[in-house]
C-alpha atoms as a PDB file:
ATOM      1  CA  MET A   1      11.592  26.807   3.086  1.00  0.00           C
ATOM      2  CA  LEU A   2      13.704  23.922   4.057  1.00  0.00           C
ATOM      3  CA  ASN A   3      16.773  23.149   1.610  1.00  0.00           C
ATOM      4  CA  ASP A   4      15.581  19.244   1.339  1.00  0.00           C
ATOM      5  CA  SER A   5      12.296  19.783   1.410  1.00  0.00           C
ATOM      6  CA  ASP A   6       9.998  17.363   0.025  1.00  0.00           C
ATOM      7  CA  LEU A   7      12.734  14.712   0.649  1.00  0.00           C
ATOM      8  CA  ARG A   8      12.375  11.366   2.577  1.00  0.00           C
ATOM      9  CA  SER A   9      16.247  10.426   4.621  1.00  0.00           C
ATOM     10  CA  ARG A  10      17.002   6.655   5.509  1.00  0.00           C
ATOM     11  CA  PHE A  11      19.882   6.407   8.161  1.00  0.00           C
ATOM     12  CA  LEU A  12      21.155   3.707  10.144  1.00  0.00           C
ATOM     13  CA  PHE A  13      22.487   3.533  13.821  1.00  0.00           C
ATOM     14  CA  GLU A  14      26.079   1.505  12.897  1.00  0.00           C
ATOM     15  CA  GLN A  15      26.975  -0.231  16.514  1.00  0.00           C
ATOM     16  CA  ALA A  16      23.281  -0.070  17.446  1.00  0.00           C
ATOM     17  CA  GLY A  17      20.738  -1.720  15.526  1.00  0.00           C
ATOM     18  CA  ILE A  18      18.132   0.860  15.043  1.00  0.00           C
ATOM     19  CA  ARG A  19      16.970   2.579  11.730  1.00  0.00           C
ATOM     20  CA  GLY A  20      15.125   5.853  11.229  1.00  0.00           C
ATOM     21  CA  ASN A  21      13.507   7.518   8.606  1.00  0.00           C
ATOM     22  CA  LEU A  22      13.268  11.691   8.446  1.00  0.00           C
ATOM     23  CA  VAL A  23      10.772  13.005   6.027  1.00  0.00           C
ATOM     24  CA  HIS A  24      10.051  16.374   5.108  1.00  0.00           C
ATOM     25  CA  LEU A  25       6.602  17.459   3.182  1.00  0.00           C
ATOM     26  CA  ASP A  26       6.559  20.753   2.160  1.00  0.00           C
ATOM     27  CA  ALA A  27       5.365  21.712  -2.003  1.00  0.00           C
ATOM     28  CA  SER A  28       3.473  18.428  -1.838  1.00  0.00           C
ATOM     29  CA  TRP A  29       1.937  18.993   1.402  1.00  0.00           C
ATOM     30  CA  ARG A  30       0.063  22.189   0.211  1.00  0.00           C
ATOM     31  CA  ALA A  31      -1.082  20.415  -2.747  1.00  0.00           C
ATOM     32  CA  VAL A  32      -2.961  18.510  -0.663  1.00  0.00           C
ATOM     33  CA  LEU A  33      -4.203  21.561   1.152  1.00  0.00           C
ATOM     34  CA  ASP A  34      -5.142  22.956  -2.278  1.00  0.00           C
ATOM     35  CA  ALA A  35      -7.596  20.138  -2.983  1.00  0.00           C
ATOM     36  CA  HIS A  36      -9.890  21.203   0.029  1.00  0.00           C
ATOM     37  CA  PRO A  37     -10.386  23.919   2.339  1.00  0.00           C
ATOM     38  CA  TYR A  38      -9.996  21.669   5.645  1.00  0.00           C
ATOM     39  CA  PRO A  39      -9.881  23.546   9.267  1.00  0.00           C
ATOM     40  CA  LYS A  40      -6.925  24.469  11.167  1.00  0.00           C
ATOM     41  CA  PRO A  41      -7.005  21.356  13.540  1.00  0.00           C
ATOM     42  CA  VAL A  42      -8.036  18.663  10.672  1.00  0.00           C
ATOM     43  CA  VAL A  43      -4.764  19.716   9.170  1.00  0.00           C
ATOM     44  CA  ALA A  44      -2.719  19.210  11.766  1.00  0.00           C
ATOM     45  CA  ARG A  45      -3.794  15.950  11.716  1.00  0.00           C
ATOM     46  CA  LEU A  46      -3.825  14.895   7.919  1.00  0.00           C
ATOM     47  CA  GLY A  47      -0.115  16.629   7.768  1.00  0.00           C
ATOM     48  CA  GLU A  48       0.654  14.189  10.462  1.00  0.00           C
ATOM     49  CA  ALA A  49      -0.683  10.816   9.184  1.00  0.00           C
ATOM     50  CA  LEU A  50       0.705  12.162   5.698  1.00  0.00           C
ATOM     51  CA  ALA A  51       3.881  12.066   6.962  1.00  0.00           C
ATOM     52  CA  ALA A  52       3.454   9.154   8.854  1.00  0.00           C
ATOM     53  CA  ALA A  53       1.916   7.318   5.793  1.00  0.00           C
ATOM     54  CA  THR A  54       5.556   8.008   3.936  1.00  0.00           C
ATOM     55  CA  LEU A  55       7.271   7.222   6.618  1.00  0.00           C
ATOM     56  CA  LEU A  56       5.863   4.117   7.191  1.00  0.00           C
ATOM     57  CA  ALA A  57       6.416   2.905   3.233  1.00  0.00           C
ATOM     58  CA  ALA A  58      10.365   3.695   3.503  1.00  0.00           C
ATOM     59  CA  THR A  59      10.184   0.399   6.055  1.00  0.00           C
ATOM     60  CA  ILE A  60       9.463  -2.410   3.408  1.00  0.00           C
ATOM     61  CA  LYS A  61       9.653  -3.469   0.437  1.00  0.00           C
ATOM     62  CA  PHE A  62       6.652  -3.445  -1.974  1.00  0.00           C
ATOM     63  CA  GLU A  63       4.875  -2.183  -5.331  1.00  0.00           C
ATOM     64  CA  GLY A  64       2.000  -0.547  -4.263  1.00  0.00           C
ATOM     65  CA  SER A  65       0.379   1.773  -1.873  1.00  0.00           C
ATOM     66  CA  LEU A  66       0.917   1.854   1.984  1.00  0.00           C
ATOM     67  CA  ILE A  67      -3.107   3.220   3.235  1.00  0.00           C
ATOM     68  CA  LEU A  68      -3.151   4.757   6.653  1.00  0.00           C
ATOM     69  CA  GLN A  69      -6.951   5.532   7.632  1.00  0.00           C
ATOM     70  CA  ILE A  70      -8.769   6.304  10.511  1.00  0.00           C
ATOM     71  CA  HIS A  71     -12.146   6.144  11.107  1.00  0.00           C
ATOM     72  CA  GLY A  72     -14.369   7.583  14.249  1.00  0.00           C
ATOM     73  CA  SER A  73     -17.113   8.713  15.841  1.00  0.00           C
ATOM     74  CA  GLY A  74     -16.184  11.975  16.441  1.00  0.00           C
ATOM     75  CA  PRO A  75     -16.240  15.237  14.608  1.00  0.00           C
ATOM     76  CA  ILE A  76     -13.200  14.055  12.032  1.00  0.00           C
ATOM     77  CA  ARG A  77     -15.606  10.933  10.288  1.00  0.00           C
ATOM     78  CA  THR A  78     -12.657   9.992   8.624  1.00  0.00           C
ATOM     79  CA  LEU A  79      -8.661  10.324   7.569  1.00  0.00           C
ATOM     80  CA  VAL A  80      -6.657   8.465   4.385  1.00  0.00           C
ATOM     81  CA  ALA A  81      -3.079   8.906   4.049  1.00  0.00           C
ATOM     82  CA  GLN A  82      -1.589   7.096   0.926  1.00  0.00           C
ATOM     83  CA  ALA A  83       1.894   6.899   0.394  1.00  0.00           C
ATOM     84  CA  THR A  84       3.359   4.688  -2.604  1.00  0.00           C
ATOM     85  CA  HIS A  85       6.266   2.946  -3.336  1.00  0.00           C
ATOM     86  CA  ALA A  86       7.097   5.733  -6.250  1.00  0.00           C
ATOM     87  CA  ARG A  87       7.462   7.969  -3.598  1.00  0.00           C
ATOM     88  CA  THR A  88       4.134   9.981  -4.460  1.00  0.00           C
ATOM     89  CA  MET A  89       1.419  10.131  -1.653  1.00  0.00           C
ATOM     90  CA  ARG A  90      -2.221  12.022  -1.389  1.00  0.00           C
ATOM     91  CA  GLY A  91      -4.668  12.386   1.300  1.00  0.00           C
ATOM     92  CA  LEU A  92      -8.092  13.831   2.249  1.00  0.00           C
ATOM     93  CA  ALA A  93     -10.012  14.622   5.760  1.00  0.00           C
ATOM     94  CA  ARG A  94     -14.118  14.372   6.524  1.00  0.00           C
ATOM     95  CA  TRP A  95     -15.410  15.585   9.350  1.00  0.00           C
ATOM     96  CA  GLU A  96     -18.745  17.118  10.861  1.00  0.00           C
ATOM     97  CA  GLY A  97     -18.941  20.911  12.556  1.00  0.00           C
ATOM     98  CA  GLU A  98     -16.489  21.954  14.211  1.00  0.00           C
ATOM     99  CA  VAL A  99     -13.371  20.068  15.203  1.00  0.00           C
ATOM    100  CA  PRO A 100     -11.847  20.602  18.583  1.00  0.00           C
ATOM    101  CA  ALA A 101      -8.203  22.460  18.731  1.00  0.00           C
ATOM    102  CA  VAL A 102      -7.007  19.976  21.456  1.00  0.00           C
ATOM    103  CA  ALA A 103      -4.800  17.444  20.248  1.00  0.00           C
ATOM    104  CA  ALA A 104      -6.036  14.550  21.930  1.00  0.00           C
ATOM    105  CA  LEU A 105      -7.762  11.791  19.219  1.00  0.00           C
ATOM    106  CA  THR A 106     -10.819  11.269  21.902  1.00  0.00           C
ATOM    107  CA  ALA A 107     -11.792  14.578  21.807  1.00  0.00           C
ATOM    108  CA  GLN A 108     -11.139  14.787  17.667  1.00  0.00           C
ATOM    109  CA  PHE A 109     -12.201  11.492  16.659  1.00  0.00           C
ATOM    110  CA  GLY A 110     -14.375  10.000  18.978  1.00  0.00           C
ATOM    111  CA  THR A 111     -14.428   5.953  19.454  1.00  0.00           C
ATOM    112  CA  GLY A 112     -12.358   4.476  16.283  1.00  0.00           C
ATOM    113  CA  GLN A 113     -10.085   2.578  14.554  1.00  0.00           C
ATOM    114  CA  LEU A 114      -6.921   2.523  13.019  1.00  0.00           C
ATOM    115  CA  VAL A 115      -6.458   0.733   9.646  1.00  0.00           C
ATOM    116  CA  LEU A 116      -2.572   0.123   7.710  1.00  0.00           C
ATOM    117  CA  THR A 117      -3.596  -1.437   4.651  1.00  0.00           C
ATOM    118  CA  ILE A 118      -0.819  -2.628   1.719  1.00  0.00           C
ATOM    119  CA  ASP A 119      -2.160  -3.413  -1.566  1.00  0.00           C
ATOM    120  CA  GLN A 120       0.565  -4.201  -3.903  1.00  0.00           C
ATOM    121  CA  GLY A 121      -2.282  -4.506  -6.715  1.00  0.00           C
ATOM    122  CA  THR A 122      -2.337  -8.183  -7.117  1.00  0.00           C
ATOM    123  CA  GLY A 123      -4.066 -10.582  -4.754  1.00  0.00           C
ATOM    124  CA  GLN A 124      -5.391 -10.090  -1.463  1.00  0.00           C
ATOM    125  CA  PRO A 125      -4.227  -6.702   0.601  1.00  0.00           C
ATOM    126  CA  TYR A 126      -2.502  -7.226   3.721  1.00  0.00           C
ATOM    127  CA  GLN A 127      -4.707  -5.442   6.564  1.00  0.00           C
ATOM    128  CA  GLY A 128      -4.129  -4.571   9.509  1.00  0.00           C
ATOM    129  CA  VAL A 129      -6.524  -3.008  12.127  1.00  0.00           C
ATOM    130  CA  VAL A 130      -6.437  -1.800  16.199  1.00  0.00           C
ATOM    131  CA  PRO A 131      -8.968   0.212  17.815  1.00  0.00           C
ATOM    132  CA  LEU A 132      -7.589   4.173  18.015  1.00  0.00           C
ATOM    133  CA  ALA A 133      -5.619   4.284  21.141  1.00  0.00           C
ATOM    134  CA  GLY A 134      -3.757   7.035  22.883  1.00  0.00           C
ATOM    135  CA  ALA A 135      -3.439  10.378  22.941  1.00  0.00           C
ATOM    136  CA  HIS A 136      -1.712  11.110  20.048  1.00  0.00           C
ATOM    137  CA  LEU A 137      -1.786  10.012  16.316  1.00  0.00           C
ATOM    138  CA  THR A 138       1.797   8.658  17.480  1.00  0.00           C
ATOM    139  CA  ASP A 139       0.900   7.289  19.994  1.00  0.00           C
ATOM    140  CA  ALA A 140      -1.710   5.032  18.264  1.00  0.00           C
ATOM    141  CA  ILE A 141       0.329   4.381  14.995  1.00  0.00           C
ATOM    142  CA  GLU A 142       2.749   2.810  17.705  1.00  0.00           C
ATOM    143  CA  HIS A 143       0.073   0.660  19.495  1.00  0.00           C
ATOM    144  CA  TYR A 144      -0.102  -0.762  16.089  1.00  0.00           C
ATOM    145  CA  PHE A 145       3.448  -1.929  15.419  1.00  0.00           C
ATOM    146  CA  ALA A 146       3.361  -3.097  19.051  1.00  0.00           C
ATOM    147  CA  ASP A 147      -0.243  -5.026  19.166  1.00  0.00           C
ATOM    148  CA  SER A 148       0.039  -5.826  15.331  1.00  0.00           C
ATOM    149  CA  GLU A 149       3.447  -6.209  14.112  1.00  0.00           C
ATOM    150  CA  GLN A 150       5.558  -6.702  17.316  1.00  0.00           C
ATOM    151  CA  ILE A 151       8.238  -4.120  16.511  1.00  0.00           C
ATOM    152  CA  ALA A 152       9.647  -1.420  18.580  1.00  0.00           C
ATOM    153  CA  THR A 153       8.712   2.047  16.771  1.00  0.00           C
ATOM    154  CA  ARG A 154       8.289   5.536  18.039  1.00  0.00           C
ATOM    155  CA  LEU A 155       7.568   8.197  15.474  1.00  0.00           C
ATOM    156  CA  TRP A 156       7.312  12.418  16.460  1.00  0.00           C
ATOM    157  CA  LEU A 157       5.276  14.008  13.938  1.00  0.00           C
ATOM    158  CA  ALA A 158       4.328  17.591  13.245  1.00  0.00           C
ATOM    159  CA  ALA A 159       1.958  19.952  10.698  1.00  0.00           C
ATOM    160  CA  ASP A 160       1.111  23.268  10.086  1.00  0.00           C
ATOM    161  CA  ALA A 161      -0.784  24.740   7.072  1.00  0.00           C
ATOM    162  CA  SER A 162       3.069  25.005   4.802  1.00  0.00           C
ATOM    163  CA  ARG A 163       4.778  21.911   6.209  1.00  0.00           C
ATOM    164  CA  ALA A 164       4.477  18.166   7.031  1.00  0.00           C
ATOM    165  CA  ALA A 165       7.184  16.616   9.176  1.00  0.00           C
ATOM    166  CA  GLY A 166       8.079  13.375  10.604  1.00  0.00           C
ATOM    167  CA  LEU A 167      10.489  11.391  12.232  1.00  0.00           C
ATOM    168  CA  LEU A 168      10.525   8.054  13.011  1.00  0.00           C
ATOM    169  CA  LEU A 169      13.040   4.921  14.616  1.00  0.00           C
ATOM    170  CA  GLN A 170      12.699   1.234  14.693  1.00  0.00           C
ATOM    171  CA  ARG A 171      14.399  -1.245  16.911  1.00  0.00           C
ATOM    172  CA  LEU A 172      15.897  -4.266  14.873  1.00  0.00           C
ATOM    173  CA  PRO A 173      16.678  -7.024  17.329  1.00  0.00           C
ATOM    174  CA  GLU A 174      18.221  -9.179  14.639  1.00  0.00           C
ATOM    175  CA  ALA A 175      20.581  -6.446  13.973  1.00  0.00           C
ATOM    176  CA  GLY A 176      22.052  -6.477  17.658  1.00  0.00           C
ATOM    177  CA  ALA A 177      19.705  -3.783  18.427  1.00  0.00           C
ATOM    178  CA  THR A 178      19.575  -4.144  23.007  1.00  0.00           C
ATOM    179  CA  GLU A 179      17.392  -2.594  25.053  1.00  0.00           C
ATOM    180  CA  ASP A 180      20.002  -0.011  26.572  1.00  0.00           C
ATOM    181  CA  ASP A 181      20.726   1.222  22.719  1.00  0.00           C
ATOM    182  CA  TRP A 182      16.946   1.542  21.963  1.00  0.00           C
ATOM    183  CA  GLN A 183      16.106   3.300  25.672  1.00  0.00           C
ATOM    184  CA  ARG A 184      19.208   5.689  25.201  1.00  0.00           C
ATOM    185  CA  VAL A 185      18.688   6.289  21.329  1.00  0.00           C
ATOM    186  CA  THR A 186      14.498   7.123  21.875  1.00  0.00           C
ATOM    187  CA  LEU A 187      15.626   9.222  24.970  1.00  0.00           C
ATOM    188  CA  LEU A 188      18.000  11.336  22.311  1.00  0.00           C
ATOM    189  CA  ALA A 189      14.753  11.670  20.048  1.00  0.00           C
ATOM    190  CA  ASP A 190      12.498  12.837  22.683  1.00  0.00           C
ATOM    191  CA  THR A 191      14.242  16.231  23.105  1.00  0.00           C
ATOM    192  CA  LEU A 192      12.869  17.142  19.101  1.00  0.00           C
ATOM    193  CA  THR A 193      10.675  20.266  19.509  1.00  0.00           C
ATOM    194  CA  THR A 194       8.161  20.833  16.915  1.00  0.00           C
ATOM    195  CA  ALA A 195       9.859  23.703  15.868  1.00  0.00           C
ATOM    196  CA  GLU A 196      13.236  22.158  15.257  1.00  0.00           C
ATOM    197  CA  LEU A 197      11.330  19.428  13.181  1.00  0.00           C
ATOM    198  CA  LEU A 198       9.138  21.199  11.330  1.00  0.00           C
ATOM    199  CA  GLY A 199      11.979  23.872  11.122  1.00  0.00           C
ATOM    200  CA  GLN A 200      15.799  22.379  11.045  1.00  0.00           C
ATOM    201  CA  PRO A 201      17.222  20.501   7.584  1.00  0.00           C
ATOM    202  CA  THR A 202      17.945  16.991   7.945  1.00  0.00           C
ATOM    203  CA  GLU A 203      21.608  17.196   8.546  1.00  0.00           C
ATOM    204  CA  SER A 204      21.428  19.468  11.232  1.00  0.00           C
ATOM    205  CA  LEU A 205      18.588  17.904  13.083  1.00  0.00           C
ATOM    206  CA  LEU A 206      20.304  14.607  13.194  1.00  0.00           C
ATOM    207  CA  HIS A 207      23.402  16.166  14.245  1.00  0.00           C
ATOM    208  CA  ARG A 208      21.241  17.719  17.324  1.00  0.00           C
ATOM    209  CA  LEU A 209      19.608  14.608  18.034  1.00  0.00           C
ATOM    210  CA  PHE A 210      22.204  12.048  17.465  1.00  0.00           C
ATOM    211  CA  HIS A 211      25.990  13.370  17.483  1.00  0.00           C
ATOM    212  CA  GLU A 212      27.717  10.938  19.621  1.00  0.00           C
ATOM    213  CA  GLU A 213      25.869   8.171  17.839  1.00  0.00           C
ATOM    214  CA  ARG A 214      27.568   6.817  14.869  1.00  0.00           C
ATOM    215  CA  VAL A 215      24.723   7.637  12.394  1.00  0.00           C
ATOM    216  CA  ARG A 216      25.345   6.591   8.459  1.00  0.00           C
ATOM    217  CA  LEU A 217      22.871   8.751   6.292  1.00  0.00           C
ATOM    218  CA  PHE A 218      21.935   7.391   2.836  1.00  0.00           C
ATOM    219  CA  GLU A 219      20.591   8.997   0.135  1.00  0.00           C
ATOM    220  CA  SER A 220      17.582  10.923   0.260  1.00  0.00           C
ATOM    221  CA  GLU A 221      14.457  10.320  -1.826  1.00  0.00           C
ATOM    222  CA  PRO A 222      12.477  13.052  -3.296  1.00  0.00           C
ATOM    223  CA  LEU A 223       8.840  12.959  -2.688  1.00  0.00           C
ATOM    224  CA  SER A 224       5.619  14.536  -4.551  1.00  0.00           C
ATOM    225  CA  PHE A 225       1.925  14.685  -4.528  1.00  0.00           C
ATOM    226  CA  ARG A 226       0.247  12.836  -6.922  1.00  0.00           C
ATOM    227  CA  CYS A 227      -3.247  11.776  -7.440  1.00  0.00           C
ATOM    228  CA  GLY A 228      -4.022   8.397  -8.751  1.00  0.00           C
ATOM    229  CA  CYS A 229      -7.299   9.089 -10.382  1.00  0.00           C
ATOM    230  CA  SER A 230      -7.773   9.432 -14.300  1.00  0.00           C
ATOM    231  CA  ARG A 231     -10.410   9.568 -16.936  1.00  0.00           C
ATOM    232  CA  SER A 232     -10.343   5.260 -17.744  1.00  0.00           C
ATOM    233  CA  ARG A 233     -10.471   4.766 -13.757  1.00  0.00           C
ATOM    234  CA  ILE A 234     -13.284   6.719 -13.326  1.00  0.00           C
ATOM    235  CA  GLU A 235     -15.205   5.338 -16.717  1.00  0.00           C
ATOM    236  CA  SER A 236     -14.442   1.879 -15.291  1.00  0.00           C
ATOM    237  CA  MET A 237     -16.570   2.997 -12.091  1.00  0.00           C
ATOM    238  CA  VAL A 238     -19.352   4.837 -14.459  1.00  0.00           C
ATOM    239  CA  ARG A 239     -19.816   1.510 -16.756  1.00  0.00           C
ATOM    240  CA  LEU A 240     -20.600  -0.587 -12.742  1.00  0.00           C
ATOM    241  CA  LEU A 241     -23.395   1.873 -12.174  1.00  0.00           C
ATOM    242  CA  ASP A 242     -27.007   1.003 -13.045  1.00  0.00           C
ATOM    243  CA  GLU A 243     -27.296   2.092 -16.782  1.00  0.00           C
ATOM    244  CA  ALA A 244     -31.217   3.421 -15.664  1.00  0.00           C
ATOM    245  CA  GLU A 245     -29.760   5.422 -13.149  1.00  0.00           C
ATOM    246  CA  ILE A 246     -27.585   7.199 -14.870  1.00  0.00           C
ATOM    247  CA  THR A 247     -30.136   8.037 -17.610  1.00  0.00           C
ATOM    248  CA  SER A 248     -31.779   9.489 -15.160  1.00  0.00           C
ATOM    249  CA  LEU A 249     -29.242  11.838 -14.012  1.00  0.00           C
ATOM    250  CA  LEU A 250     -28.368  12.880 -18.019  1.00  0.00           C
ATOM    251  CA  ASP A 251     -32.289  13.644 -18.105  1.00  0.00           C
ATOM    252  CA  GLU A 252     -32.271  15.996 -15.164  1.00  0.00           C
ATOM    253  CA  GLN A 253     -28.908  17.723 -15.068  1.00  0.00           C
ATOM    254  CA  GLY A 254     -27.668  17.104 -18.957  1.00  0.00           C
ATOM    255  CA  ALA A 255     -24.832  15.341 -18.176  1.00  0.00           C
ATOM    256  CA  VAL A 256     -23.004  12.972 -15.107  1.00  0.00           C
ATOM    257  CA  GLU A 257     -20.353  14.557 -13.306  1.00  0.00           C
ATOM    258  CA  VAL A 258     -17.712  12.846 -10.882  1.00  0.00           C
ATOM    259  CA  THR A 259     -15.488  14.389  -8.698  1.00  0.00           C
ATOM    260  CA  CYS A 260     -11.936  12.860  -7.130  1.00  0.00           C
ATOM    261  CA  GLU A 261     -12.040  13.626  -2.976  1.00  0.00           C
ATOM    262  CA  PHE A 262      -8.583  13.477  -3.093  1.00  0.00           C
ATOM    263  CA  CYS A 263      -7.332  16.131  -5.504  1.00  0.00           C
ATOM    264  CA  ASN A 264     -10.469  17.910  -6.902  1.00  0.00           C
ATOM    265  CA  ARG A 265     -10.747  17.087 -10.380  1.00  0.00           C
ATOM    266  CA  ARG A 266     -14.251  17.095 -11.809  1.00  0.00           C
ATOM    267  CA  TYR A 267     -14.974  14.357 -14.771  1.00  0.00           C
ATOM    268  CA  ARG A 268     -17.644  15.047 -17.141  1.00  0.00           C
ATOM    269  CA  PHE A 269     -19.406  12.830 -18.834  1.00  0.00           C
ATOM    270  CA  ASP A 270     -22.652  14.037 -21.084  1.00  0.00           C
ATOM    271  CA  PRO A 271     -24.635  12.104 -23.180  1.00  0.00           C
ATOM    272  CA  VAL A 272     -22.463  11.057 -25.823  1.00  0.00           C
ATOM    273  CA  ASP A 273     -19.708  10.332 -23.474  1.00  0.00           C
ATOM    274  CA  VAL A 274     -22.159   7.672 -21.751  1.00  0.00           C
ATOM    275  CA  ARG A 275     -23.778   5.821 -24.535  1.00  0.00           C
ATOM    276  CA  GLN A 276     -19.871   5.364 -25.889  1.00  0.00           C
ATOM    277  CA  LEU A 277     -19.303   3.898 -21.702  1.00  0.00           C
ATOM    278  CA  PHE A 278     -22.727   1.391 -22.317  1.00  0.00           C
ATOM    279  CA  ALA A 279     -21.828   0.660 -25.622  1.00  0.00           C
ATOM    280  CA  THR A 280     -18.163  -0.477 -25.007  1.00  0.00           C
ATOM    281  CA  ALA A 281     -19.093  -2.178 -21.617  1.00  0.00           C
ATOM    282  CA  MET A 282     -21.891  -4.463 -24.024  1.00  0.00           C
ATOM    283  CA  HIS A 283     -19.444  -5.080 -26.410  1.00  0.00           C
ATOM    284  CA  HIS A 284     -16.877  -6.983 -23.869  1.00  0.00           C
ATOM    285  CA  ALA A 285     -19.049  -8.545 -22.052  1.00  0.00           C
ATOM    286  CA  PRO A 286     -19.084 -11.984 -21.683  1.00  0.00           C
ATOM    287  CA  PRO A 287     -21.052 -14.286 -23.613  1.00  0.00           C
ATOM    288  CA  SER A 288     -23.538 -15.991 -21.373  1.00  0.00           C
ATOM    289  CA  THR A 289     -23.593 -19.812 -20.942  1.00  0.00           C
ATOM    290  CA  THR A 290     -26.303 -22.471 -22.061  1.00  0.00           C
ATOM    291  CA  GLN A 291     -27.520 -24.911 -19.721  1.00  0.00           C
END
């Protein structure tokens, strides 16, 4: 096991105007997998997406969540990875039938879109949408940044059933990054192997790749799995449903059960719970206006 697992590390090429992030997800990644029995090809894509979302969240200053979503027409229908400013993450995937082991996006997702959303809980969330393009998930995300953000960005991602990891580099022209600097550093990063990304600790990995560069490594930040669901949130959702439909469900099943798709936690509401929910909703309803 990595001695720096479930950590995100920021670093800076001091003389090149390039910043980087390196992330290793260990127990937090396995907590995501514990909620659902995904097939191996889905595990790989979801792990890569979670590593990517965690990396991208470190590149912006915000309070809220960054959500990376892919919607496709192929075997993998939906993939969602969420990372927050509090360094928590969660994710899920939906698929149908057999998912090809080949990593090509078109084989696994078909025709689709990559959606990146930044939700700070107030106002309209920022959202960018681009067609799902390229052979790999890294290609699609790099295309998004080139098309929507005009920021030169490169990623290297890897995941298996035990660990997910990722490396991100971004060129900062305002910090003096030249095209030669960018080409040199990314060529060095392109020598990175999947085994190294998944198995090497941060300091030794950065030394192996960039020992000829002047790199400043900042203090690492801990990461964890945490689902945002709660009974109060589920109660608010149930209140929005039609009371007649809820009553019908109670008559048929004796209770209303809601399962969180992210963590698989089940919330159960018996007839007494439901009556209290709708009584509370009626109590807080705004008064009707007069004409």
